[in-house]
Structures are given as C-alpha cells and as structure tokens.
Amino acid sequence: MINVPMFLGLGMQEILIILVIVLLLFGGKKIPELMRGAGKGVRAFKDGMKEVTDDDDYDEK
C-alpha cells in the first residue's frame, strides 16, 4: 500500500472527487486560466510580503 500524505485531512479519494467536480464545473479549457490567475495572485502576495520586509529593514537603520 502506498503511503500518501494527507492534505488538510483529506484522503486521496476525496481529493480525486473534488478534482472531478472542479473539472465538470469549469471545463477543461477554463482550468489553465484559473491556475494562471492563482499563480499570479501568489506571486503578487510574495512580492507584497517582500516589500513589507524590505520596508521593515529600512526603518530599523
């Protein structure tokens, strides 16, 4: 048996069911656009966090 780490308490079967539902709701063509938007959002969040830490370093000097 393969030991799969649980993500937020969800097993492999639950994750597969969620993925199938997302595929049915959004369709195959829309999912890459959603993932691209999510990636841009994560990148913007990281850049924002970097600016905050850079500002904190500047204030201490």
C-alpha atoms as a PDB file:
ATOM      1  CA  MET A   1       0.000   0.000   0.000  1.00  0.00           C
ATOM      2  CA  ILE A   2       1.283   3.443  -0.909  1.00  0.00           C
ATOM      3  CA  ASN A   3       1.526   5.940   1.941  1.00  0.00           C
ATOM      4  CA  VAL A   4       0.060   9.191   0.607  1.00  0.00           C
ATOM      5  CA  PRO A   5       0.360  12.237   2.883  1.00  0.00           C
ATOM      6  CA  MET A   6      -2.985  13.758   3.778  1.00  0.00           C
ATOM      7  CA  PHE A   7      -3.744  17.315   2.720  1.00  0.00           C
ATOM      8  CA  LEU A   8      -5.966  19.129   5.211  1.00  0.00           C
ATOM      9  CA  GLY A   9      -7.255  15.820   6.486  1.00  0.00           C
ATOM     10  CA  LEU A  10      -8.428  14.720   3.036  1.00  0.00           C
ATOM     11  CA  GLY A  11      -7.553  11.345   1.619  1.00  0.00           C
ATOM     12  CA  MET A  12      -6.721  10.530  -1.983  1.00  0.00           C
ATOM     13  CA  GLN A  13     -10.321   9.586  -2.832  1.00  0.00           C
ATOM     14  CA  GLU A  14     -11.730  12.872  -1.540  1.00  0.00           C
ATOM     15  CA  ILE A  15      -9.139  14.889  -3.466  1.00  0.00           C
ATOM     16  CA  LEU A  16      -9.951  12.999  -6.681  1.00  0.00           C
ATOM     17  CA  ILE A  17     -13.676  13.612  -6.213  1.00  0.00           C
ATOM     18  CA  ILE A  18     -13.047  17.336  -5.684  1.00  0.00           C
ATOM     19  CA  LEU A  19     -10.866  17.482  -8.808  1.00  0.00           C
ATOM     20  CA  VAL A  20     -13.544  15.758 -10.905  1.00  0.00           C
ATOM     21  CA  ILE A  21     -16.194  18.192  -9.637  1.00  0.00           C
ATOM     22  CA  VAL A  22     -13.960  21.169 -10.464  1.00  0.00           C
ATOM     23  CA  LEU A  23     -13.357  19.747 -13.934  1.00  0.00           C
ATOM     24  CA  LEU A  24     -17.085  19.335 -14.502  1.00  0.00           C
ATOM     25  CA  LEU A  25     -17.922  22.821 -13.221  1.00  0.00           C
ATOM     26  CA  PHE A  26     -15.274  24.806 -15.081  1.00  0.00           C
ATOM     27  CA  GLY A  27     -14.427  22.614 -18.044  1.00  0.00           C
ATOM     28  CA  GLY A  28     -11.028  21.672 -19.385  1.00  0.00           C
ATOM     29  CA  LYS A  29     -10.401  24.948 -21.197  1.00  0.00           C
ATOM     30  CA  LYS A  30     -11.067  27.200 -18.199  1.00  0.00           C
ATOM     31  CA  ILE A  31      -8.865  25.382 -15.656  1.00  0.00           C
ATOM     32  CA  PRO A  32      -5.481  26.563 -17.078  1.00  0.00           C
ATOM     33  CA  GLU A  33      -6.762  30.142 -16.951  1.00  0.00           C
ATOM     34  CA  LEU A  34      -7.804  29.687 -13.314  1.00  0.00           C
ATOM     35  CA  MET A  35      -4.416  28.211 -12.401  1.00  0.00           C
ATOM     36  CA  ARG A  36      -2.606  31.023 -14.211  1.00  0.00           C
ATOM     37  CA  GLY A  37      -4.626  33.575 -12.244  1.00  0.00           C
ATOM     38  CA  ALA A  38      -3.908  31.750  -8.990  1.00  0.00           C
ATOM     39  CA  GLY A  39      -0.191  31.757  -9.792  1.00  0.00           C
ATOM     40  CA  LYS A  40      -0.246  35.484 -10.465  1.00  0.00           C
ATOM     41  CA  GLY A  41      -2.053  36.019  -7.173  1.00  0.00           C
ATOM     42  CA  VAL A  42       0.536  34.012  -5.246  1.00  0.00           C
ATOM     43  CA  ARG A  43       3.353  35.898  -6.973  1.00  0.00           C
ATOM     44  CA  ALA A  44       1.758  39.245  -6.102  1.00  0.00           C
ATOM     45  CA  PHE A  45       1.350  38.126  -2.482  1.00  0.00           C
ATOM     46  CA  LYS A  46       5.024  37.094  -2.271  1.00  0.00           C
ATOM     47  CA  ASP A  47       6.134  40.394  -3.819  1.00  0.00           C
ATOM     48  CA  GLY A  48       3.969  42.282  -1.345  1.00  0.00           C
ATOM     49  CA  MET A  49       5.439  40.360   1.576  1.00  0.00           C
ATOM     50  CA  LYS A  50       8.946  41.061   0.294  1.00  0.00           C
ATOM     51  CA  GLU A  51       8.181  44.788   0.118  1.00  0.00           C
ATOM     52  CA  VAL A  52       6.884  44.736   3.699  1.00  0.00           C
ATOM     53  CA  THR A  53      10.027  43.016   4.988  1.00  0.00           C
ATOM     54  CA  ASP A  54      12.226  45.385   2.947  1.00  0.00           C
ATOM     55  CA  ASP A  55      10.376  48.357   4.470  1.00  0.00           C
ATOM     56  CA  ASP A  56      10.899  46.922   7.972  1.00  0.00           C
ATOM     57  CA  ASP A  57      14.640  46.552   7.330  1.00  0.00           C
ATOM     58  CA  TYR A  58      14.815  50.131   6.064  1.00  0.00           C
ATOM     59  CA  ASP A  59      13.042  51.511   9.160  1.00  0.00           C
ATOM     60  CA  GLU A  60      15.483  49.805  11.555  1.00  0.00           C
ATOM     61  CA  LYS A  61      18.553  51.541  10.105  1.00  0.00           C
END
